[in-house]
Protein backbone atom coordinates (compact mmCIF):
# COMPACT_ATOMS: atom_id res chain seq x y z
CA UNK A 1 23.80 5.86 21.72
CA UNK A 2 25.56 6.48 18.46
CA UNK A 3 29.19 7.32 17.99
CA UNK A 4 30.35 10.40 19.85
CA UNK A 5 27.43 10.08 22.28
CA UNK A 6 24.84 11.11 19.70
CA UNK A 7 21.38 9.64 19.95
CA UNK A 8 20.49 7.30 17.10
CA UNK A 9 17.37 7.84 15.02
CA UNK A 10 15.71 4.84 16.68
CA UNK A 11 16.53 6.14 20.16
CA UNK A 12 15.24 9.57 19.24
CA UNK A 13 12.00 8.03 17.97
CA UNK A 14 11.65 6.10 21.23
CA UNK A 15 12.20 9.28 23.21
CA UNK A 16 9.69 11.15 21.06
CA UNK A 17 6.78 8.82 21.80
CA UNK A 18 3.84 10.20 23.71
CA UNK A 19 0.69 8.86 25.34
CA UNK A 20 -2.53 9.32 23.40
CA UNK A 21 -5.29 11.07 25.26
CA UNK A 22 -7.96 8.63 26.35
CA UNK A 23 -5.82 5.56 25.67
CA UNK A 24 -2.78 3.70 26.81
CA UNK A 25 -1.06 3.17 23.46
CA UNK A 26 2.24 4.87 22.82
CA UNK A 27 2.51 6.62 19.51
CA UNK A 28 4.81 8.78 17.46
CA UNK A 29 4.76 12.49 17.86
CA UNK A 30 3.18 14.37 15.03
CA UNK A 31 5.29 14.96 11.95
CA UNK A 32 6.56 18.51 11.57
CA UNK A 33 4.51 20.49 9.07
CA UNK A 34 6.95 23.32 8.48
CA UNK A 35 8.93 23.40 5.26
CA UNK A 36 11.79 20.88 5.75
CA UNK A 37 15.29 22.30 6.26
CA UNK A 38 16.56 19.98 3.52
CA UNK A 39 15.80 19.51 -0.17
CA UNK A 40 15.13 16.39 -2.22
CA UNK A 41 18.59 16.68 -3.77
CA UNK A 42 20.18 16.73 -0.32
CA UNK A 43 18.29 13.57 0.59
CA UNK A 44 19.43 11.93 -2.64
CA UNK A 45 23.08 12.81 -1.98
CA UNK A 46 22.92 10.85 1.27
CA UNK A 47 22.05 7.66 -0.62
CA UNK A 48 24.87 5.59 -2.16
CA UNK A 49 24.67 5.96 -5.96
CA UNK A 50 24.41 2.21 -6.56
CA UNK A 51 21.00 2.21 -4.82
CA UNK A 52 19.51 3.82 -7.91
CA UNK A 53 20.85 1.18 -10.32
CA UNK A 54 18.36 -1.32 -11.68
CA UNK A 55 19.43 -4.81 -12.68
CA UNK A 56 17.36 -6.92 -15.07
CA UNK A 57 18.89 -10.14 -13.79
CA UNK A 58 18.41 -9.28 -10.14
CA UNK A 59 14.86 -8.08 -10.68
CA UNK A 60 13.97 -11.24 -12.59
CA UNK A 61 15.51 -13.34 -9.82
CA UNK A 62 12.76 -12.12 -7.50
CA UNK A 63 10.11 -12.96 -10.11
CA UNK A 64 11.52 -16.48 -10.44
CA UNK A 65 11.82 -16.84 -6.67
CA UNK A 66 8.21 -15.83 -6.03
CA UNK A 67 6.75 -17.88 -8.88
CA UNK A 68 8.77 -20.90 -7.78
CA UNK A 69 7.37 -20.59 -4.27
CA UNK A 70 3.86 -20.17 -5.66
CA UNK A 71 4.39 -23.29 -7.76
CA UNK A 72 5.57 -25.29 -4.76
CA UNK A 73 2.53 -24.24 -2.74
CA UNK A 74 0.26 -25.05 -5.70
CA UNK A 75 1.80 -28.53 -5.95
CA UNK A 76 1.18 -28.99 -2.23
CA UNK A 77 -2.49 -28.10 -2.74
CA UNK A 78 -2.90 -30.33 -5.79
CA UNK A 79 -0.86 -33.38 -4.81
CA UNK A 80 -0.42 -33.41 -1.04
CA UNK A 81 -3.58 -32.07 0.55
CA UNK A 82 -5.89 -34.55 -1.27
CA UNK A 83 -3.80 -37.42 0.19
CA UNK A 84 -4.16 -36.21 3.77
CA UNK A 85 -6.75 -37.50 6.23
CA UNK A 86 -9.86 -35.33 6.31
CA UNK A 87 -8.96 -33.60 9.59
CA UNK A 88 -5.47 -32.70 8.38
CA UNK A 89 -6.77 -31.59 4.97
CA UNK A 90 -9.24 -29.22 6.61
CA UNK A 91 -6.35 -27.68 8.56
CA UNK A 92 -4.00 -27.66 5.55
CA UNK A 93 -6.19 -25.59 3.23
CA UNK A 94 -6.06 -22.42 5.36
CA UNK A 95 -2.28 -22.81 5.60
CA UNK A 96 -2.09 -23.03 1.82
CA UNK A 97 -4.35 -20.01 1.38
CA UNK A 98 -2.33 -17.88 3.80
CA UNK A 99 1.06 -18.87 2.36
CA UNK A 100 -0.02 -18.56 -1.27
CA UNK A 101 -1.77 -15.24 -0.59
CA UNK A 102 1.40 -13.79 0.93
CA UNK A 103 3.66 -15.00 -1.88
CA UNK A 104 1.29 -13.67 -4.54
CA UNK A 105 1.27 -10.33 -2.72
CA UNK A 106 5.02 -10.31 -3.32
CA UNK A 107 4.34 -10.92 -7.02
CA UNK A 108 1.90 -8.01 -6.93
CA UNK A 109 4.62 -5.79 -5.42
CA UNK A 110 7.03 -6.67 -8.23
CA UNK A 111 4.38 -5.69 -10.79
CA UNK A 112 3.88 -2.47 -8.82
CA UNK A 113 7.61 -1.88 -9.18
CA UNK A 114 7.30 -2.33 -12.93
CA UNK A 115 4.67 0.41 -12.92
CA UNK A 116 7.21 2.75 -11.32
CA UNK A 117 9.91 1.86 -13.90
CA UNK A 118 11.96 0.44 -11.03
CA UNK A 119 12.24 -3.09 -12.47
CA UNK A 120 14.78 -2.39 -15.22
CA UNK A 121 16.20 0.37 -17.42
CA UNK A 122 13.78 -0.61 -20.19
CA UNK A 123 10.28 0.84 -19.98
CA UNK A 124 8.84 -1.63 -22.49
CA UNK A 125 10.20 -4.61 -20.53
CA UNK A 126 8.82 -3.17 -17.30
CA UNK A 127 5.38 -2.76 -18.85
CA UNK A 128 5.32 -6.25 -20.38
CA UNK A 129 6.34 -7.90 -17.10
CA UNK A 130 3.97 -5.71 -15.09
CA UNK A 131 1.06 -6.35 -17.46
CA UNK A 132 1.51 -10.13 -17.32
CA UNK A 133 1.95 -10.30 -13.55
CA UNK A 134 -0.83 -7.88 -12.66
CA UNK A 135 -3.27 -9.36 -15.19
CA UNK A 136 -2.71 -12.78 -13.63
CA UNK A 137 -3.86 -11.24 -10.35
CA UNK A 138 -6.83 -9.52 -12.05
CA UNK A 139 -5.32 -6.05 -11.69
CA UNK A 140 -5.64 -3.57 -14.59
CA UNK A 141 -1.94 -2.81 -14.91
CA UNK A 142 -1.87 0.44 -16.87
CA UNK A 143 -5.06 1.75 -15.27
CA UNK A 144 -3.63 1.36 -11.82
CA UNK A 145 -0.16 2.48 -12.91
CA UNK A 146 -1.48 5.88 -13.95
CA UNK A 147 -3.75 6.47 -10.97
CA UNK A 148 -0.98 5.32 -8.64
CA UNK A 149 1.47 7.68 -10.33
CA UNK A 150 -0.92 10.52 -9.55
CA UNK A 151 -1.06 9.33 -5.94
CA UNK A 152 2.72 9.68 -5.78
CA UNK A 153 2.52 13.12 -7.36
CA UNK A 154 -0.10 14.32 -4.88
CA UNK A 155 0.45 12.37 -1.65
CA UNK A 156 -1.12 14.05 1.35
CA UNK A 157 -3.20 16.46 -0.72
CA UNK A 158 -6.82 16.78 0.38
CA UNK A 159 -7.91 17.71 -3.14
CA UNK A 160 -5.68 15.65 -5.45
CA UNK A 161 -4.46 12.50 -3.70
CA UNK A 162 -5.84 9.31 -5.23
CA UNK A 163 -6.15 6.75 -2.43
CA UNK A 164 -7.43 6.68 1.16
CA UNK A 165 -8.28 10.35 0.92
CA UNK A 166 -9.69 11.25 4.35
CA UNK A 167 -12.96 13.12 4.78
CA UNK A 168 -13.65 16.09 6.97
CA UNK A 169 -16.18 15.57 9.73
CA UNK A 170 -18.98 17.39 7.92
CA UNK A 171 -18.57 15.15 4.86
CA UNK A 172 -18.88 11.84 6.73
CA UNK A 173 -21.89 9.65 5.95
CA UNK A 174 -24.66 9.98 8.54
CA UNK A 175 -24.17 6.42 9.80
CA UNK A 176 -20.44 6.77 10.61
CA UNK A 177 -20.90 7.55 14.30
CA UNK A 178 -23.07 4.46 14.73
CA UNK A 179 -20.20 2.29 13.57
CA UNK A 180 -17.79 3.73 16.12
CA UNK A 181 -17.95 0.78 18.48
CA UNK A 182 -16.09 -2.56 18.48
CA UNK A 183 -18.76 -4.45 16.52
CA UNK A 184 -19.21 -1.67 13.96
CA UNK A 185 -15.46 -1.29 13.60
CA UNK A 186 -15.05 -5.03 13.05
CA UNK A 187 -17.78 -4.96 10.39
CA UNK A 188 -16.16 -1.98 8.68
CA UNK A 189 -12.77 -3.66 8.62
CA UNK A 190 -14.24 -6.91 7.30
CA UNK A 191 -15.97 -5.14 4.42
CA UNK A 192 -12.92 -2.99 3.67
CA UNK A 193 -10.51 -5.93 3.60
CA UNK A 194 -12.71 -8.14 1.41
CA UNK A 195 -14.33 -5.59 -0.91
CA UNK A 196 -12.16 -2.49 -0.59
CA UNK A 197 -9.79 -3.22 -3.47
CA UNK A 198 -12.41 -4.19 -6.11
CA UNK A 199 -14.63 -1.29 -4.98
CA UNK A 200 -11.71 1.10 -5.46
CA UNK A 201 -11.01 -0.21 -8.95
CA UNK A 202 -14.65 -0.28 -10.05
CA UNK A 203 -16.10 2.75 -8.23
CA UNK A 204 -13.10 4.74 -6.98
CA UNK A 205 -14.18 3.94 -3.41
CA UNK A 206 -12.06 5.94 -0.89
CA UNK A 207 -10.34 7.71 -3.79
CA UNK A 208 -10.21 11.27 -5.00
CA UNK A 209 -13.48 13.08 -5.69
CA UNK A 210 -14.05 13.58 -9.42
CA UNK A 211 -16.80 15.62 -11.11
CA UNK A 212 -18.24 12.44 -12.64
CA UNK A 213 -18.13 8.68 -12.27
CA UNK A 214 -14.57 7.32 -12.09
CA UNK A 215 -13.69 3.70 -12.83
CA UNK A 216 -10.31 2.08 -13.46
CA UNK A 217 -11.74 -0.05 -16.28
CA UNK A 218 -13.13 2.91 -18.25
CA UNK A 219 -10.64 4.51 -20.68
CA UNK A 220 -12.79 7.66 -20.68
CA UNK A 221 -12.86 7.97 -16.90
CA UNK A 222 -11.76 11.37 -15.55
CA UNK A 223 -8.79 9.65 -13.92
CA UNK A 224 -7.07 9.39 -17.32
CA UNK A 225 -5.92 11.70 -20.07
CA UNK A 226 -6.69 11.12 -23.73
CA UNK A 227 -3.11 9.90 -24.29
CA UNK A 228 -3.61 7.10 -21.77
CA UNK A 229 -6.86 5.65 -23.12
CA UNK A 230 -5.30 3.08 -25.44
CA UNK A 231 -3.30 1.61 -22.58
CA UNK A 232 -6.39 1.40 -20.39
CA UNK A 233 -7.93 -0.73 -23.13
CA UNK A 234 -4.79 -2.91 -23.11
CA UNK A 235 -5.26 -3.36 -19.35
CA UNK A 236 -8.87 -4.40 -19.91
CA UNK A 237 -7.76 -6.84 -22.60
CA UNK A 238 -5.23 -8.32 -20.21
CA UNK A 239 -7.95 -8.87 -17.61
CA UNK A 240 -10.26 -10.49 -20.16
CA UNK A 241 -7.46 -12.78 -21.34
CA UNK A 242 -6.67 -13.80 -17.77
CA UNK A 243 -10.33 -14.36 -16.94
CA UNK A 244 -10.78 -16.50 -20.06
CA UNK A 245 -7.70 -18.55 -19.19
CA UNK A 246 -9.02 -19.18 -15.69
CA UNK A 247 -12.43 -20.09 -17.10
CA UNK A 248 -10.90 -22.64 -19.47
CA UNK A 249 -8.73 -23.99 -16.69
CA UNK A 250 -11.69 -24.45 -14.37
CA UNK A 251 -13.79 -25.99 -17.16
CA UNK A 252 -11.16 -28.58 -18.04
CA UNK A 253 -10.25 -29.47 -14.46
CA UNK A 254 -12.22 -29.30 -11.24
CA UNK A 255 -14.76 -26.58 -11.93
CA UNK A 256 -15.54 -23.36 -10.12
CA UNK A 257 -15.00 -24.60 -6.56
CA UNK A 258 -11.67 -26.13 -7.56
CA UNK A 259 -10.52 -22.77 -8.96
CA UNK A 260 -11.86 -20.94 -5.92
CA UNK A 261 -9.86 -23.14 -3.55
CA UNK A 262 -6.64 -22.92 -5.52
CA UNK A 263 -6.76 -19.34 -6.77
CA UNK A 264 -9.81 -17.42 -5.56
CA UNK A 265 -9.15 -17.55 -1.83
CA UNK A 266 -5.42 -16.66 -2.15
CA UNK A 267 -6.47 -13.76 -4.41
CA UNK A 268 -8.83 -12.50 -1.70
CA UNK A 269 -5.90 -12.58 0.70
CA UNK A 270 -3.76 -10.63 -1.78
CA UNK A 271 -6.49 -8.01 -2.05
CA UNK A 272 -6.78 -7.78 1.72
CA UNK A 273 -3.02 -7.30 2.09
CA UNK A 274 -3.05 -4.51 -0.50
CA UNK A 275 -5.67 -2.64 1.51
CA UNK A 276 -3.91 -3.21 4.83
CA UNK A 277 -0.50 -2.18 3.53
CA UNK A 278 -1.72 0.98 1.78
CA UNK A 279 -4.04 1.97 4.62
CA UNK A 280 -1.36 1.65 7.29
CA UNK A 281 1.23 3.46 5.17
CA UNK A 282 -0.92 6.58 4.96
CA UNK A 283 -3.14 6.46 8.04
CA UNK A 284 -1.79 7.50 11.43
CA UNK A 285 -2.61 10.27 13.88
CA UNK A 286 0.99 11.45 13.51
CA UNK A 287 0.59 12.09 9.78
CA UNK A 288 -0.76 15.39 8.39
CA UNK A 289 -2.82 16.06 5.29
CA UNK A 290 -2.72 19.41 3.51
CA UNK A 291 -5.12 21.48 1.47
CA UNK A 292 -4.03 23.59 -1.49
CA UNK A 293 -2.93 26.48 0.73
CA UNK A 294 -0.29 24.35 2.49
CA UNK A 295 0.55 21.35 0.32
CA UNK A 296 3.84 20.90 -1.48
CA UNK A 297 5.30 17.74 -2.96
CA UNK A 298 8.08 17.10 -0.44
CA UNK A 299 5.95 17.56 2.66
CA UNK A 300 3.28 15.38 1.08
CA UNK A 301 5.77 12.64 0.23
CA UNK A 302 6.98 12.67 3.84
CA UNK A 303 3.41 12.28 5.15
CA UNK A 304 3.73 8.50 5.27
CA UNK A 305 5.01 5.98 7.78
CA UNK A 306 7.15 2.86 7.64
CA UNK A 307 5.75 -0.19 9.44
CA UNK A 308 7.20 -3.47 10.65
CA UNK A 309 5.52 -6.66 9.39
CA UNK A 310 8.21 -8.98 10.75
CA UNK A 311 9.02 -11.87 8.38
CA UNK A 312 6.49 -10.53 5.89
CA UNK A 313 8.69 -7.50 5.24
CA UNK A 314 10.89 -9.74 3.09
CA UNK A 315 7.97 -11.63 1.56
CA UNK A 316 6.48 -8.29 0.50
CA UNK A 317 9.86 -7.07 -0.81
CA UNK A 318 10.10 -4.43 1.93
CA UNK A 319 7.30 -2.28 0.57
CA UNK A 320 6.11 -2.18 4.17
CA UNK A 321 9.18 -0.89 6.00
CA UNK A 322 10.75 1.31 3.29
CA UNK A 323 7.71 3.23 2.13
CA UNK A 324 9.09 6.66 3.02
CA UNK A 325 12.09 6.10 0.75
CA UNK A 326 9.79 4.72 -1.93
CA UNK A 327 7.70 7.89 -1.95
CA UNK A 328 10.79 10.01 -2.27
CA UNK A 329 12.44 7.91 -5.00
CA UNK A 330 9.86 5.63 -6.57
CA UNK A 331 12.14 4.43 -9.41
CA UNK A 332 14.58 2.91 -6.92
CA UNK A 333 14.44 -0.93 -6.96
CA UNK A 334 13.14 -2.55 -3.81
CA UNK A 335 16.35 -4.49 -3.18
CA UNK A 336 18.19 -1.23 -2.46
CA UNK A 337 15.42 0.40 -0.42
CA UNK A 338 16.59 -0.85 2.98
CA UNK A 339 20.06 0.58 2.47
CA UNK A 340 18.57 3.83 1.20
CA UNK A 341 16.23 4.07 4.20
CA UNK A 342 19.16 3.72 6.58
CA UNK A 343 21.02 6.43 4.67
CA UNK A 344 18.21 9.00 4.66
CA UNK A 345 17.12 8.72 8.29
CA UNK A 346 19.81 11.08 9.64
CA UNK A 347 18.88 13.66 6.98
CA UNK A 348 15.12 13.42 7.57
CA UNK A 349 15.42 13.42 11.37
CA UNK A 350 12.00 14.00 12.92
CA UNK A 351 10.41 14.09 9.45
CA UNK A 352 10.97 10.33 9.23
CA UNK A 353 8.24 8.22 10.81
CA UNK A 354 8.43 4.57 11.79
CA UNK A 355 5.83 2.71 13.82
CA UNK A 356 6.73 -0.75 15.10
CA UNK A 357 3.31 -1.43 16.62
CA UNK A 358 2.25 -5.05 15.95
CA UNK A 359 0.17 -5.29 12.79
CA UNK A 360 -3.26 -6.24 14.16
CA UNK A 361 -2.96 -3.80 17.04
CA UNK A 362 -2.00 -0.99 14.66
CA UNK A 363 -4.84 -1.82 12.27
CA UNK A 364 -7.42 -1.75 15.06
CA UNK A 365 -5.97 1.42 16.57
CA UNK A 366 -5.96 3.38 13.32
CA UNK A 367 -9.49 2.18 12.52
CA UNK A 368 -10.56 3.49 15.93
CA UNK A 369 -8.69 6.79 15.96
CA UNK A 370 -8.44 7.90 12.33
CA UNK A 371 -12.05 8.62 11.40
CA UNK A 372 -11.91 12.11 9.87
CA UNK A 373 -9.51 15.03 9.52
CA UNK A 374 -9.80 18.62 10.68
CA UNK A 375 -7.39 21.48 11.35
CA UNK A 376 -6.49 21.86 14.99
CA UNK A 377 -8.55 24.33 16.98
CA UNK A 378 -6.65 27.59 17.10
CA UNK A 379 -4.42 26.50 14.19
CA UNK A 380 -4.22 30.12 13.05
CA UNK A 381 -2.26 30.42 9.83
CA UNK A 382 -2.07 26.60 9.58
CA UNK A 383 -5.77 26.08 8.84
CA UNK A 384 -4.66 24.14 5.77
CA UNK A 385 -3.03 21.39 7.86
CA UNK A 386 -5.39 18.55 8.77
CA UNK A 387 -5.02 15.87 11.44
CA UNK A 388 -6.96 12.71 12.19
CA UNK A 389 -9.63 12.79 14.91
CA UNK A 390 -12.38 10.49 16.15
CA UNK A 391 -14.55 12.64 18.46
CA UNK A 392 -18.27 12.95 17.69
CA UNK A 393 -19.35 15.05 20.69
């Protein structure tokens, strides 16, 4: 209990859990969908002012930290693993891939922060750092920056959100119900984790519906305005430069398989983490989606959930367990997000969602239960509020 006998936010969340029908997992109660009794300015007042200050030196310290770790792991792969006995080398490579993939995901998060102008007070510096870091991970920096900005502007909107936009039951592909079994679910997850990120970039897979083909590499794609086209071309140039550098590196050293072992497999792990993190931030039976009759920015921004990734929270710069605060104040640097999250919980009350379910269990559960969205039967005036379901009868 808190001071004065008041229940803490965590205790309230524990009390508010309920048993899912047809299963034994405990879950959060649904988020309220009524207009919140607080405003964005009231939330901001609860956060210490220093949380909004960006420091170039502190931000760069995380870049140096992550790149140093990546360099250490790379040295291990280049100098240590080849000296190991065959049996130990076979075991060491997966350890390298996992560790390097996680550290490079942290690098990806810092570049993501640059795209939000949360790295420093200088937009040009943010864009230069973000372009270099994201290009090195084969991400089109400006292309993703602009589509991601629109995601933040339209979170939870059935018509305008940009990523993991759920379908209504009638819009599901005909084969969906045949995949609703453990084997089909495992296949779906495997394809999503390995191909989901490149498919999203190249074909807008799981993104917003546009009237024509949408691609993050196309400056004339409907995702972008005419003012953004030049920067999309810069993103493409960054990718070509990175690809050429990797090609020259592979040609002058160990060839394609050498590059695949050192860089390709960790990059696949980065891509998988991006899908997992984003999917679990916005997919939960407790989270609503809204159509145009109900949606507003604040309720949409609150339609997300913080998760606990254990040690990886720090490796991923807390993008996992401070996502609610990030959606409310995306220009806040990540190193203040934990303090800000603690400060806003009492204000948000039941509008704040946190799910501490272990990662793999949560991923499997959401893949099983969050198949399509529909308004509740008898929703009355709230026909514009959609919830996840999985029934096909």
